[in-house]
Amino acid sequence: MKFRDAAAYPVKLDHDEEVMIAIVPKIKNLNAERIIDFCMENMPNFWIPNYIRFVESLPRTPTGRVQKYLLRDQAITDDTFNMKDYIIKKLKEMGNR
């Protein structure tokens, strides 16, 4: 899997739980499950995003940095994928090996 852009950051939910969200530009054949699988193979568990949202492109400054403050304003929306159940399922599968 190859993708070059993504932004990940913590957000607080209504009940003061803090979770990670990843914002990823839309790419053909890239889905939330593939992103989680990649993260689980290459990152510590606490970095794995609980939510994934696909966007057309990431907002950038004139120097090319991602403007995370613009992303935080619309962190979890109706089109955000909640991956908690998928992550739990994968962790259980890994534990049974």
PDB file of N, CA and C in Angstrom:
ATOM      1  N   MET A   1       0.851  -1.169   0.000  1.00  0.00           N
ATOM      2  CA  MET A   1       0.000   0.000   0.000  1.00  0.00           C
ATOM      3  C   MET A   1       0.894   1.228   0.000  1.00  0.00           C
ATOM      4  N   LYS A   2       0.584   2.156  -0.874  1.00  0.00           N
ATOM      5  CA  LYS A   2       1.360   3.386  -0.922  1.00  0.00           C
ATOM      6  C   LYS A   2       0.430   4.582  -0.828  1.00  0.00           C
ATOM      7  N   PHE A   3       0.677   5.389   0.159  1.00  0.00           N
ATOM      8  CA  PHE A   3       0.028   6.684   0.220  1.00  0.00           C
ATOM      9  C   PHE A   3       1.011   7.624   0.894  1.00  0.00           C
ATOM     10  N   ARG A   4       0.984   8.857   0.481  1.00  0.00           N
ATOM     11  CA  ARG A   4       1.994   9.804   0.945  1.00  0.00           C
ATOM     12  C   ARG A   4       1.472  10.787   1.975  1.00  0.00           C
ATOM     13  N   ASP A   5       0.191  11.043   1.939  1.00  0.00           N
ATOM     14  CA  ASP A   5      -0.384  12.042   2.826  1.00  0.00           C
ATOM     15  C   ASP A   5      -1.302  11.394   3.840  1.00  0.00           C
ATOM     16  N   ALA A   6      -1.233  11.882   5.036  1.00  0.00           N
ATOM     17  CA  ALA A   6      -2.179  11.512   6.085  1.00  0.00           C
ATOM     18  C   ALA A   6      -1.932  12.444   7.250  1.00  0.00           C
ATOM     19  N   ALA A   7      -2.947  12.642   8.038  1.00  0.00           N
ATOM     20  CA  ALA A   7      -2.807  13.424   9.263  1.00  0.00           C
ATOM     21  C   ALA A   7      -3.468  12.624  10.367  1.00  0.00           C
ATOM     22  N   ALA A   8      -2.825  12.528  11.497  1.00  0.00           N
ATOM     23  CA  ALA A   8      -3.396  11.820  12.644  1.00  0.00           C
ATOM     24  C   ALA A   8      -3.199  12.680  13.878  1.00  0.00           C
ATOM     25  N   TYR A   9      -4.234  12.700  14.721  1.00  0.00           N
ATOM     26  CA  TYR A   9      -4.152  13.513  15.928  1.00  0.00           C
ATOM     27  C   TYR A   9      -5.229  13.052  16.906  1.00  0.00           C
ATOM     28  N   PRO A  10      -5.055  13.343  18.188  1.00  0.00           N
ATOM     29  CA  PRO A  10      -6.078  12.957  19.174  1.00  0.00           C
ATOM     30  C   PRO A  10      -7.238  13.943  19.181  1.00  0.00           C
ATOM     31  N   VAL A  11      -8.427  13.419  19.420  1.00  0.00           N
ATOM     32  CA  VAL A  11      -9.626  14.256  19.603  1.00  0.00           C
ATOM     33  C   VAL A  11     -10.369  13.748  20.836  1.00  0.00           C
ATOM     34  N   LYS A  12     -11.049  14.671  21.500  1.00  0.00           N
ATOM     35  CA  LYS A  12     -11.857  14.295  22.666  1.00  0.00           C
ATOM     36  C   LYS A  12     -13.289  14.061  22.226  1.00  0.00           C
ATOM     37  N   LEU A  13     -13.847  12.961  22.703  1.00  0.00           N
ATOM     38  CA  LEU A  13     -15.251  12.668  22.452  1.00  0.00           C
ATOM     39  C   LEU A  13     -16.090  13.349  23.513  1.00  0.00           C
ATOM     40  N   ASP A  14     -17.378  13.283  23.375  1.00  0.00           N
ATOM     41  CA  ASP A  14     -18.292  13.949  24.304  1.00  0.00           C
ATOM     42  C   ASP A  14     -18.088  13.537  25.752  1.00  0.00           C
ATOM     43  N   HIS A  15     -17.737  12.300  25.995  1.00  0.00           N
ATOM     44  CA  HIS A  15     -17.592  11.810  27.363  1.00  0.00           C
ATOM     45  C   HIS A  15     -16.119  11.840  27.825  1.00  0.00           C
ATOM     46  N   ASP A  16     -15.354  12.787  27.314  1.00  0.00           N
ATOM     47  CA  ASP A  16     -13.960  13.044  27.689  1.00  0.00           C
ATOM     48  C   ASP A  16     -12.987  11.913  27.378  1.00  0.00           C
ATOM     49  N   GLU A  17     -13.389  10.980  26.547  1.00  0.00           N
ATOM     50  CA  GLU A  17     -12.467   9.951  26.075  1.00  0.00           C
ATOM     51  C   GLU A  17     -11.650  10.554  24.939  1.00  0.00           C
ATOM     52  N   GLU A  18     -10.339  10.331  24.952  1.00  0.00           N
ATOM     53  CA  GLU A  18      -9.487  10.838  23.880  1.00  0.00           C
ATOM     54  C   GLU A  18      -9.124   9.681  22.959  1.00  0.00           C
ATOM     55  N   VAL A  19      -9.344   9.868  21.664  1.00  0.00           N
ATOM     56  CA  VAL A  19      -9.085   8.831  20.672  1.00  0.00           C
ATOM     57  C   VAL A  19      -8.273   9.427  19.525  1.00  0.00           C
ATOM     58  N   MET A  20      -7.635   8.550  18.774  1.00  0.00           N
ATOM     59  CA  MET A  20      -6.876   8.991  17.608  1.00  0.00           C
ATOM     60  C   MET A  20      -7.771   8.927  16.375  1.00  0.00           C
ATOM     61  N   ILE A  21      -7.618   9.931  15.526  1.00  0.00           N
ATOM     62  CA  ILE A  21      -8.309   9.952  14.239  1.00  0.00           C
ATOM     63  C   ILE A  21      -7.265  10.151  13.152  1.00  0.00           C
ATOM     64  N   ALA A  22      -7.443   9.461  12.047  1.00  0.00           N
ATOM     65  CA  ALA A  22      -6.568   9.633  10.887  1.00  0.00           C
ATOM     66  C   ALA A  22      -7.402  10.214   9.754  1.00  0.00           C
ATOM     67  N   ILE A  23      -6.874  11.248   9.128  1.00  0.00           N
ATOM     68  CA  ILE A  23      -7.507  11.865   7.974  1.00  0.00           C
ATOM     69  C   ILE A  23      -6.636  11.503   6.773  1.00  0.00           C
ATOM     70  N   VAL A  24      -7.243  10.849   5.788  1.00  0.00           N
ATOM     71  CA  VAL A  24      -6.480  10.315   4.663  1.00  0.00           C
ATOM     72  C   VAL A  24      -7.131  10.749   3.352  1.00  0.00           C
ATOM     73  N   PRO A  25      -6.336  11.244   2.409  1.00  0.00           N
ATOM     74  CA  PRO A  25      -6.909  11.564   1.094  1.00  0.00           C
ATOM     75  C   PRO A  25      -7.411  10.298   0.402  1.00  0.00           C
ATOM     76  N   LYS A  26      -8.506  10.438  -0.329  1.00  0.00           N
ATOM     77  CA  LYS A  26      -9.080   9.298  -1.043  1.00  0.00           C
ATOM     78  C   LYS A  26      -8.122   8.799  -2.113  1.00  0.00           C
ATOM     79  N   ILE A  27      -7.930   7.482  -2.111  1.00  0.00           N
ATOM     80  CA  ILE A  27      -7.104   6.819  -3.118  1.00  0.00           C
ATOM     81  C   ILE A  27      -7.849   5.565  -3.555  1.00  0.00           C
ATOM     82  N   LYS A  28      -7.815   5.277  -4.833  1.00  0.00           N
ATOM     83  CA  LYS A  28      -8.494   4.102  -5.352  1.00  0.00           C
ATOM     84  C   LYS A  28      -7.984   2.847  -4.640  1.00  0.00           C
ATOM     85  N   ASN A  29      -8.887   1.959  -4.264  1.00  0.00           N
ATOM     86  CA  ASN A  29      -8.600   0.679  -3.599  1.00  0.00           C
ATOM     87  C   ASN A  29      -8.053   0.812  -2.186  1.00  0.00           C
ATOM     88  N   LEU A  30      -8.121   1.981  -1.607  1.00  0.00           N
ATOM     89  CA  LEU A  30      -7.681   2.159  -0.225  1.00  0.00           C
ATOM     90  C   LEU A  30      -8.922   2.289   0.650  1.00  0.00           C
ATOM     91  N   ASN A  31      -9.024   1.407   1.638  1.00  0.00           N
ATOM     92  CA  ASN A  31     -10.173   1.473   2.537  1.00  0.00           C
ATOM     93  C   ASN A  31      -9.682   1.504   3.980  1.00  0.00           C
ATOM     94  N   ALA A  32     -10.604   1.725   4.890  1.00  0.00           N
ATOM     95  CA  ALA A  32     -10.250   1.881   6.306  1.00  0.00           C
ATOM     96  C   ALA A  32      -9.607   0.622   6.872  1.00  0.00           C
ATOM     97  N   GLU A  33     -10.074  -0.555   6.472  1.00  0.00           N
ATOM     98  CA  GLU A  33      -9.510  -1.801   6.981  1.00  0.00           C
ATOM     99  C   GLU A  33      -8.048  -1.951   6.581  1.00  0.00           C
ATOM    100  N   ARG A  34      -7.720  -1.597   5.355  1.00  0.00           N
ATOM    101  CA  ARG A  34      -6.320  -1.697   4.900  1.00  0.00           C
ATOM    102  C   ARG A  34      -5.424  -0.739   5.688  1.00  0.00           C
ATOM    103  N   ILE A  35      -5.950   0.431   6.007  1.00  0.00           N
ATOM    104  CA  ILE A  35      -5.156   1.386   6.787  1.00  0.00           C
ATOM    105  C   ILE A  35      -4.906   0.833   8.181  1.00  0.00           C
ATOM    106  N   ILE A  36      -5.932   0.287   8.820  1.00  0.00           N
ATOM    107  CA  ILE A  36      -5.767  -0.279  10.161  1.00  0.00           C
ATOM    108  C   ILE A  36      -4.798  -1.455  10.128  1.00  0.00           C
ATOM    109  N   ASP A  37      -4.922  -2.327   9.140  1.00  0.00           N
ATOM    110  CA  ASP A  37      -4.003  -3.463   9.025  1.00  0.00           C
ATOM    111  C   ASP A  37      -2.558  -2.979   8.914  1.00  0.00           C
ATOM    112  N   PHE A  38      -2.333  -1.966   8.085  1.00  0.00           N
ATOM    113  CA  PHE A  38      -0.993  -1.399   7.931  1.00  0.00           C
ATOM    114  C   PHE A  38      -0.498  -0.833   9.259  1.00  0.00           C
ATOM    115  N   CYS A  39      -1.344  -0.084   9.943  1.00  0.00           N
ATOM    116  CA  CYS A  39      -0.948   0.518  11.218  1.00  0.00           C
ATOM    117  C   CYS A  39      -0.625  -0.546  12.262  1.00  0.00           C
ATOM    118  N   MET A  40      -1.425  -1.606  12.303  1.00  0.00           N
ATOM    119  CA  MET A  40      -1.205  -2.655  13.297  1.00  0.00           C
ATOM    120  C   MET A  40       0.109  -3.398  13.061  1.00  0.00           C
ATOM    121  N   GLU A  41       0.525  -3.466  11.812  1.00  0.00           N
ATOM    122  CA  GLU A  41       1.783  -4.140  11.485  1.00  0.00           C
ATOM    123  C   GLU A  41       3.001  -3.248  11.698  1.00  0.00           C
ATOM    124  N   ASN A  42       2.811  -1.932  11.683  1.00  0.00           N
ATOM    125  CA  ASN A  42       3.955  -1.020  11.654  1.00  0.00           C
ATOM    126  C   ASN A  42       4.020   0.003  12.778  1.00  0.00           C
ATOM    127  N   MET A  43       3.035   0.023  13.677  1.00  0.00           N
ATOM    128  CA  MET A  43       2.992   1.071  14.693  1.00  0.00           C
ATOM    129  C   MET A  43       2.659   0.488  16.059  1.00  0.00           C
ATOM    130  N   PRO A  44       3.031   1.203  17.116  1.00  0.00           N
ATOM    131  CA  PRO A  44       2.581   0.785  18.452  1.00  0.00           C
ATOM    132  C   PRO A  44       1.057   0.893  18.550  1.00  0.00           C
ATOM    133  N   ASN A  45       0.456   0.071  19.404  1.00  0.00           N
ATOM    134  CA  ASN A  45      -1.010   0.039  19.517  1.00  0.00           C
ATOM    135  C   ASN A  45      -1.620   1.394  19.845  1.00  0.00           C
ATOM    136  N   PHE A  46      -0.941   2.203  20.674  1.00  0.00           N
ATOM    137  CA  PHE A  46      -1.533   3.483  21.063  1.00  0.00           C
ATOM    138  C   PHE A  46      -1.534   4.502  19.931  1.00  0.00           C
ATOM    139  N   TRP A  47      -0.847   4.231  18.832  1.00  0.00           N
ATOM    140  CA  TRP A  47      -0.870   5.119  17.671  1.00  0.00           C
ATOM    141  C   TRP A  47      -1.926   4.722  16.651  1.00  0.00           C
ATOM    142  N   ILE A  48      -2.508   3.554  16.793  1.00  0.00           N
ATOM    143  CA  ILE A  48      -3.486   3.080  15.810  1.00  0.00           C
ATOM    144  C   ILE A  48      -4.747   3.936  15.917  1.00  0.00           C
ATOM    145  N   PRO A  49      -5.178   4.531  14.809  1.00  0.00           N
ATOM    146  CA  PRO A  49      -6.363   5.405  14.887  1.00  0.00           C
ATOM    147  C   PRO A  49      -7.643   4.626  15.127  1.00  0.00           C
ATOM    148  N   ASN A  50      -8.493   5.168  15.983  1.00  0.00           N
ATOM    149  CA  ASN A  50      -9.800   4.574  16.243  1.00  0.00           C
ATOM    150  C   ASN A  50     -10.807   4.980  15.169  1.00  0.00           C
ATOM    151  N   TYR A  51     -10.566   6.106  14.555  1.00  0.00           N
ATOM    152  CA  TYR A  51     -11.462   6.643  13.531  1.00  0.00           C
ATOM    153  C   TYR A  51     -10.648   6.999  12.302  1.00  0.00           C
ATOM    154  N   ILE A  52     -11.259   6.820  11.129  1.00  0.00           N
ATOM    155  CA  ILE A  52     -10.618   7.186   9.867  1.00  0.00           C
ATOM    156  C   ILE A  52     -11.629   7.943   9.031  1.00  0.00           C
ATOM    157  N   ARG A  53     -11.165   9.050   8.486  1.00  0.00           N
ATOM    158  CA  ARG A  53     -12.031   9.843   7.594  1.00  0.00           C
ATOM    159  C   ARG A  53     -11.261  10.108   6.310  1.00  0.00           C
ATOM    160  N   PHE A  54     -11.920   9.876   5.185  1.00  0.00           N
ATOM    161  CA  PHE A  54     -11.319  10.131   3.880  1.00  0.00           C
ATOM    162  C   PHE A  54     -11.755  11.509   3.392  1.00  0.00           C
ATOM    163  N   VAL A  55     -10.808  12.240   2.830  1.00  0.00           N
ATOM    164  CA  VAL A  55     -11.067  13.576   2.293  1.00  0.00           C
ATOM    165  C   VAL A  55     -10.469  13.664   0.887  1.00  0.00           C
ATOM    166  N   GLU A  56     -10.901  14.652   0.141  1.00  0.00           N
ATOM    167  CA  GLU A  56     -10.337  14.851  -1.206  1.00  0.00           C
ATOM    168  C   GLU A  56      -8.860  15.232  -1.124  1.00  0.00           C
ATOM    169  N   SER A  57      -8.537  16.150  -0.216  1.00  0.00           N
ATOM    170  CA  SER A  57      -7.141  16.551  -0.010  1.00  0.00           C
ATOM    171  C   SER A  57      -7.006  17.166   1.377  1.00  0.00           C
ATOM    172  N   LEU A  58      -5.796  17.194   1.866  1.00  0.00           N
ATOM    173  CA  LEU A  58      -5.531  17.790   3.169  1.00  0.00           C
ATOM    174  C   LEU A  58      -5.286  19.286   3.006  1.00  0.00           C
ATOM    175  N   PRO A  59      -5.837  20.111   3.896  1.00  0.00           N
ATOM    176  CA  PRO A  59      -5.580  21.557   3.805  1.00  0.00           C
ATOM    177  C   PRO A  59      -4.125  21.849   4.168  1.00  0.00           C
ATOM    178  N   ARG A  60      -3.486  22.707   3.399  1.00  0.00           N
ATOM    179  CA  ARG A  60      -2.063  22.991   3.603  1.00  0.00           C
ATOM    180  C   ARG A  60      -1.790  24.486   3.664  1.00  0.00           C
ATOM    181  N   THR A  61      -0.702  24.812   4.356  1.00  0.00           N
ATOM    182  CA  THR A  61      -0.217  26.186   4.383  1.00  0.00           C
ATOM    183  C   THR A  61       0.548  26.453   3.087  1.00  0.00           C
ATOM    184  N   PRO A  62       0.905  27.702   2.807  1.00  0.00           N
ATOM    185  CA  PRO A  62       1.704  27.984   1.609  1.00  0.00           C
ATOM    186  C   PRO A  62       3.050  27.256   1.595  1.00  0.00           C
ATOM    187  N   THR A  63       3.555  26.891   2.786  1.00  0.00           N
ATOM    188  CA  THR A  63       4.829  26.162   2.835  1.00  0.00           C
ATOM    189  C   THR A  63       4.642  24.648   2.790  1.00  0.00           C
ATOM    190  N   GLY A  64       3.389  24.171   2.705  1.00  0.00           N
ATOM    191  CA  GLY A  64       3.131  22.753   2.533  1.00  0.00           C
ATOM    192  C   GLY A  64       2.795  21.965   3.783  1.00  0.00           C
ATOM    193  N   ARG A  65       2.739  22.625   4.924  1.00  0.00           N
ATOM    194  CA  ARG A  65       2.393  21.913   6.162  1.00  0.00           C
ATOM    195  C   ARG A  65       0.889  21.706   6.248  1.00  0.00           C
ATOM    196  N   VAL A  66       0.495  20.562   6.833  1.00  0.00           N
ATOM    197  CA  VAL A  66      -0.929  20.263   7.009  1.00  0.00           C
ATOM    198  C   VAL A  66      -1.502  21.190   8.077  1.00  0.00           C
ATOM    199  N   GLN A  67      -2.649  21.777   7.784  1.00  0.00           N
ATOM    200  CA  GLN A  67      -3.323  22.669   8.725  1.00  0.00           C
ATOM    201  C   GLN A  67      -4.275  21.842   9.592  1.00  0.00           C
ATOM    202  N   LYS A  68      -3.719  21.224  10.640  1.00  0.00           N
ATOM    203  CA  LYS A  68      -4.509  20.336  11.492  1.00  0.00           C
ATOM    204  C   LYS A  68      -5.640  21.066  12.202  1.00  0.00           C
ATOM    205  N   TYR A  69      -5.465  22.342  12.492  1.00  0.00           N
ATOM    206  CA  TYR A  69      -6.534  23.061  13.181  1.00  0.00           C
ATOM    207  C   TYR A  69      -7.802  23.104  12.338  1.00  0.00           C
ATOM    208  N   LEU A  70      -7.671  23.128  11.014  1.00  0.00           N
ATOM    209  CA  LEU A  70      -8.845  23.082  10.151  1.00  0.00           C
ATOM    210  C   LEU A  70      -9.490  21.701  10.179  1.00  0.00           C
ATOM    211  N   LEU A  71      -8.672  20.670  10.297  1.00  0.00           N
ATOM    212  CA  LEU A  71      -9.193  19.308  10.372  1.00  0.00           C
ATOM    213  C   LEU A  71      -9.888  19.063  11.702  1.00  0.00           C
ATOM    214  N   ARG A  72      -9.349  19.634  12.787  1.00  0.00           N
ATOM    215  CA  ARG A  72      -9.942  19.425  14.112  1.00  0.00           C
ATOM    216  C   ARG A  72     -11.354  19.998  14.203  1.00  0.00           C
ATOM    217  N   ASP A  73     -11.610  21.060  13.456  1.00  0.00           N
ATOM    218  CA  ASP A  73     -12.943  21.674  13.479  1.00  0.00           C
ATOM    219  C   ASP A  73     -14.031  20.715  12.995  1.00  0.00           C
ATOM    220  N   GLN A  74     -13.662  19.755  12.178  1.00  0.00           N
ATOM    221  CA  GLN A  74     -14.631  18.816  11.627  1.00  0.00           C
ATOM    222  C   GLN A  74     -14.179  17.382  11.891  1.00  0.00           C
ATOM    223  N   ALA A  75     -13.578  17.145  13.040  1.00  0.00           N
ATOM    224  CA  ALA A  75     -12.917  15.878  13.370  1.00  0.00           C
ATOM    225  C   ALA A  75     -13.749  14.644  13.039  1.00  0.00           C
ATOM    226  N   ILE A  76     -14.810  14.392  13.792  1.00  0.00           N
ATOM    227  CA  ILE A  76     -15.607  13.189  13.569  1.00  0.00           C
ATOM    228  C   ILE A  76     -16.953  13.615  13.001  1.00  0.00           C
ATOM    229  N   THR A  77     -17.192  13.181  11.770  1.00  0.00           N
ATOM    230  CA  THR A  77     -18.422  13.539  11.069  1.00  0.00           C
ATOM    231  C   THR A  77     -19.181  12.264  10.719  1.00  0.00           C
ATOM    232  N   ASP A  78     -20.295  12.414  10.027  1.00  0.00           N
ATOM    233  CA  ASP A  78     -21.109  11.257   9.648  1.00  0.00           C
ATOM    234  C   ASP A  78     -20.374  10.292   8.722  1.00  0.00           C
ATOM    235  N   ASP A  79     -19.412  10.792   7.953  1.00  0.00           N
ATOM    236  CA  ASP A  79     -18.698   9.908   7.023  1.00  0.00           C
ATOM    237  C   ASP A  79     -17.370   9.394   7.592  1.00  0.00           C
ATOM    238  N   THR A  80     -17.197   9.480   8.902  1.00  0.00           N
ATOM    239  CA  THR A  80     -16.002   8.968   9.562  1.00  0.00           C
ATOM    240  C   THR A  80     -16.228   7.507   9.927  1.00  0.00           C
ATOM    241  N   PHE A  81     -15.231   6.676   9.656  1.00  0.00           N
ATOM    242  CA  PHE A  81     -15.326   5.256   9.961  1.00  0.00           C
ATOM    243  C   PHE A  81     -14.857   4.999  11.385  1.00  0.00           C
ATOM    244  N   ASN A  82     -15.725   4.413  12.209  1.00  0.00           N
ATOM    245  CA  ASN A  82     -15.374   4.015  13.563  1.00  0.00           C
ATOM    246  C   ASN A  82     -14.768   2.617  13.468  1.00  0.00           C
ATOM    247  N   MET A  83     -13.479   2.492  13.773  1.00  0.00           N
ATOM    248  CA  MET A  83     -12.762   1.244  13.569  1.00  0.00           C
ATOM    249  C   MET A  83     -12.531   0.453  14.857  1.00  0.00           C
ATOM    250  N   LYS A  84     -13.132   0.861  15.952  1.00  0.00           N
ATOM    251  CA  LYS A  84     -12.877   0.196  17.234  1.00  0.00           C
ATOM    252  C   LYS A  84     -13.190  -1.296  17.190  1.00  0.00           C
ATOM    253  N   ASP A  85     -14.350  -1.673  16.675  1.00  0.00           N
ATOM    254  CA  ASP A  85     -14.720  -3.095  16.625  1.00  0.00           C
ATOM    255  C   ASP A  85     -13.765  -3.894  15.749  1.00  0.00           C
ATOM    256  N   TYR A  86     -13.354  -3.310  14.622  1.00  0.00           N
ATOM    257  CA  TYR A  86     -12.419  -3.990  13.724  1.00  0.00           C
ATOM    258  C   TYR A  86     -11.071  -4.194  14.415  1.00  0.00           C
ATOM    259  N   ILE A  87     -10.604  -3.177  15.129  1.00  0.00           N
ATOM    260  CA  ILE A  87      -9.328  -3.278  15.837  1.00  0.00           C
ATOM    261  C   ILE A  87      -9.391  -4.358  16.912  1.00  0.00           C
ATOM    262  N   ILE A  88     -10.470  -4.381  17.670  1.00  0.00           N
ATOM    263  CA  ILE A  88     -10.625  -5.398  18.720  1.00  0.00           C
ATOM    264  C   ILE A  88     -10.619  -6.794  18.102  1.00  0.00           C
ATOM    265  N   LYS A  89     -11.336  -6.961  17.000  1.00  0.00           N
ATOM    266  CA  LYS A  89     -11.373  -8.254  16.312  1.00  0.00           C
ATOM    267  C   LYS A  89      -9.970  -8.675  15.869  1.00  0.00           C
ATOM    268  N   LYS A  90      -9.228  -7.753  15.273  1.00  0.00           N
ATOM    269  CA  LYS A  90      -7.871  -8.068  14.802  1.00  0.00           C
ATOM    270  C   LYS A  90      -6.931  -8.398  15.964  1.00  0.00           C
ATOM    271  N   LEU A  91      -7.045  -7.664  17.069  1.00  0.00           N
ATOM    272  CA  LEU A  91      -6.202  -7.947  18.224  1.00  0.00           C
ATOM    273  C   LEU A  91      -6.501  -9.333  18.785  1.00  0.00           C
ATOM    274  N   LYS A  92      -7.781  -9.728  18.816  1.00  0.00           N
ATOM    275  CA  LYS A  92      -8.135 -11.065  19.283  1.00  0.00           C
ATOM    276  C   LYS A  92      -7.566 -12.131  18.367  1.00  0.00           C
ATOM    277  N   GLU A  93      -7.646 -11.885  17.052  1.00  0.00           N
ATOM    278  CA  GLU A  93      -7.085 -12.831  16.095  1.00  0.00           C
ATOM    279  C   GLU A  93      -5.579 -12.976  16.279  1.00  0.00           C
ATOM    280  N   MET A  94      -4.905 -11.863  16.519  1.00  0.00           N
ATOM    281  CA  MET A  94      -3.460 -11.895  16.731  1.00  0.00           C
ATOM    282  C   MET A  94      -3.106 -12.637  18.013  1.00  0.00           C
ATOM    283  N   GLY A  95      -3.946 -12.508  19.040  1.00  0.00           N
ATOM    284  CA  GLY A  95      -3.707 -13.177  20.301  1.00  0.00           C
ATOM    285  C   GLY A  95      -3.874 -14.682  20.216  1.00  0.00           C
ATOM    286  N   ASN A  96      -4.650 -15.148  19.241  1.00  0.00           N
ATOM    287  CA  ASN A  96      -4.889 -16.577  19.077  1.00  0.00           C
ATOM    288  C   ASN A  96      -3.827 -17.267  18.237  1.00  0.00           C
ATOM    289  N   ARG A  97      -2.843 -16.552  17.804  1.00  0.00           N
ATOM    290  CA  ARG A  97      -1.770 -17.165  16.966  1.00  0.00           C
ATOM    291  C   ARG A  97      -0.675 -17.717  17.802  1.00  0.00           C
TER     292      ARG A  97
END
